[in-house]
Amino acid sequence: MIMLAVTTGTGMADLAAERGQGPLAGVIAKVERPARLPGQRRPPLLIKQVHETVANITLMLVVRLGP
């Protein structure tokens, strides 16, 4: 249950930082990023990487410790 809460929290934080939406939008400022140049990729925000890692760990735990 703790991992599910962490996944949810980091997902809401990512939504607030990237789009300025969601329940944490009033607490977390939207990150203004420069326009993407053609042919170049912008690196993902740190909170997005944390969220994806925690989500993968949560999924692994559910599959391994499931019924």
C-alpha atoms as a PDB file:
ATOM      1  CA  MET A   1       0.000   0.000   0.000  1.00  0.00           C
ATOM      2  CA  ILE A   2       2.907   2.326   0.665  1.00  0.00           C
ATOM      3  CA  MET A   3       4.278   1.875  -2.856  1.00  0.00           C
ATOM      4  CA  LEU A   4       0.853   2.604  -4.333  1.00  0.00           C
ATOM      5  CA  ALA A   5       0.679   5.833  -2.318  1.00  0.00           C
ATOM      6  CA  VAL A   6       4.182   6.842  -3.460  1.00  0.00           C
ATOM      7  CA  THR A   7       3.281   6.080  -7.086  1.00  0.00           C
ATOM      8  CA  THR A   8       0.129   8.179  -6.785  1.00  0.00           C
ATOM      9  CA  GLY A   9       1.969  11.065  -5.107  1.00  0.00           C
ATOM     10  CA  THR A  10       4.768  11.187  -7.647  1.00  0.00           C
ATOM     11  CA  GLY A  11       2.241  10.941 -10.490  1.00  0.00           C
ATOM     12  CA  MET A  12       0.312  13.930  -9.163  1.00  0.00           C
ATOM     13  CA  ALA A  13       3.557  15.854  -8.669  1.00  0.00           C
ATOM     14  CA  ASP A  14       4.621  15.062 -12.238  1.00  0.00           C
ATOM     15  CA  LEU A  15       1.255  16.235 -13.585  1.00  0.00           C
ATOM     16  CA  ALA A  16       1.541  19.504 -11.655  1.00  0.00           C
ATOM     17  CA  ALA A  17       5.147  20.134 -12.716  1.00  0.00           C
ATOM     18  CA  GLU A  18       4.683  19.254 -16.362  1.00  0.00           C
ATOM     19  CA  ARG A  19       1.201  20.582 -17.155  1.00  0.00           C
ATOM     20  CA  GLY A  20       0.258  22.771 -14.210  1.00  0.00           C
ATOM     21  CA  GLN A  21      -2.827  20.628 -13.568  1.00  0.00           C
ATOM     22  CA  GLY A  22      -4.067  18.290 -10.868  1.00  0.00           C
ATOM     23  CA  PRO A  23      -4.518  18.511  -7.111  1.00  0.00           C
ATOM     24  CA  LEU A  24      -0.916  19.587  -6.443  1.00  0.00           C
ATOM     25  CA  ALA A  25      -0.883  22.371  -9.052  1.00  0.00           C
ATOM     26  CA  GLY A  26      -1.323  25.015  -6.368  1.00  0.00           C
ATOM     27  CA  VAL A  27       1.689  23.731  -4.440  1.00  0.00           C
ATOM     28  CA  ILE A  28       4.096  22.746  -7.216  1.00  0.00           C
ATOM     29  CA  ALA A  29       4.944  25.349  -9.833  1.00  0.00           C
ATOM     30  CA  LYS A  30       4.719  24.382 -13.484  1.00  0.00           C
ATOM     31  CA  VAL A  31       8.183  23.991 -14.942  1.00  0.00           C
ATOM     32  CA  GLU A  32       8.556  26.294 -17.924  1.00  0.00           C
ATOM     33  CA  ARG A  33      10.761  24.549 -20.431  1.00  0.00           C
ATOM     34  CA  PRO A  34      12.299  26.089 -23.534  1.00  0.00           C
ATOM     35  CA  ALA A  35      10.816  25.237 -26.898  1.00  0.00           C
ATOM     36  CA  ARG A  36      12.054  22.022 -28.408  1.00  0.00           C
ATOM     37  CA  LEU A  37      14.336  22.431 -31.396  1.00  0.00           C
ATOM     38  CA  PRO A  38      13.584  20.259 -34.429  1.00  0.00           C
ATOM     39  CA  GLY A  39      15.397  16.932 -34.207  1.00  0.00           C
ATOM     40  CA  GLN A  40      16.221  17.277 -30.507  1.00  0.00           C
ATOM     41  CA  ARG A  41      14.611  15.631 -27.505  1.00  0.00           C
ATOM     42  CA  ARG A  42      14.126  17.363 -24.188  1.00  0.00           C
ATOM     43  CA  PRO A  43      15.254  15.368 -21.175  1.00  0.00           C
ATOM     44  CA  PRO A  44      12.349  14.287 -18.950  1.00  0.00           C
ATOM     45  CA  LEU A  45      11.817  16.000 -15.623  1.00  0.00           C
ATOM     46  CA  LEU A  46      13.381  14.269 -12.620  1.00  0.00           C
ATOM     47  CA  ILE A  47       9.990  13.729 -10.976  1.00  0.00           C
ATOM     48  CA  LYS A  48       8.810  11.902 -14.107  1.00  0.00           C
ATOM     49  CA  GLN A  49      11.783   9.529 -13.922  1.00  0.00           C
ATOM     50  CA  VAL A  50      11.131   8.947 -10.212  1.00  0.00           C
ATOM     51  CA  HIS A  51       7.443   8.254 -10.920  1.00  0.00           C
ATOM     52  CA  GLU A  52       8.213   5.772 -13.695  1.00  0.00           C
ATOM     53  CA  THR A  53      10.762   3.934 -11.538  1.00  0.00           C
ATOM     54  CA  VAL A  54       8.404   3.715  -8.555  1.00  0.00           C
ATOM     55  CA  ALA A  55       5.554   2.572 -10.825  1.00  0.00           C
ATOM     56  CA  ASN A  56       7.727  -0.199 -12.267  1.00  0.00           C
ATOM     57  CA  ILE A  57       8.788  -1.354  -8.802  1.00  0.00           C
ATOM     58  CA  THR A  58       5.150  -1.341  -7.660  1.00  0.00           C
ATOM     59  CA  LEU A  59       4.109  -3.392 -10.664  1.00  0.00           C
ATOM     60  CA  MET A  60       6.926  -5.862 -10.030  1.00  0.00           C
ATOM     61  CA  LEU A  61       5.833  -6.263  -6.404  1.00  0.00           C
ATOM     62  CA  VAL A  62       2.217  -6.812  -7.409  1.00  0.00           C
ATOM     63  CA  VAL A  63       3.193  -9.487  -9.926  1.00  0.00           C
ATOM     64  CA  ARG A  64       5.606 -11.269  -7.565  1.00  0.00           C
ATOM     65  CA  LEU A  65       3.556 -11.030  -4.365  1.00  0.00           C
ATOM     66  CA  GLY A  66       0.133 -11.317  -5.965  1.00  0.00           C
ATOM     67  CA  PRO A  67      -2.374 -14.066  -5.198  1.00  0.00           C
END
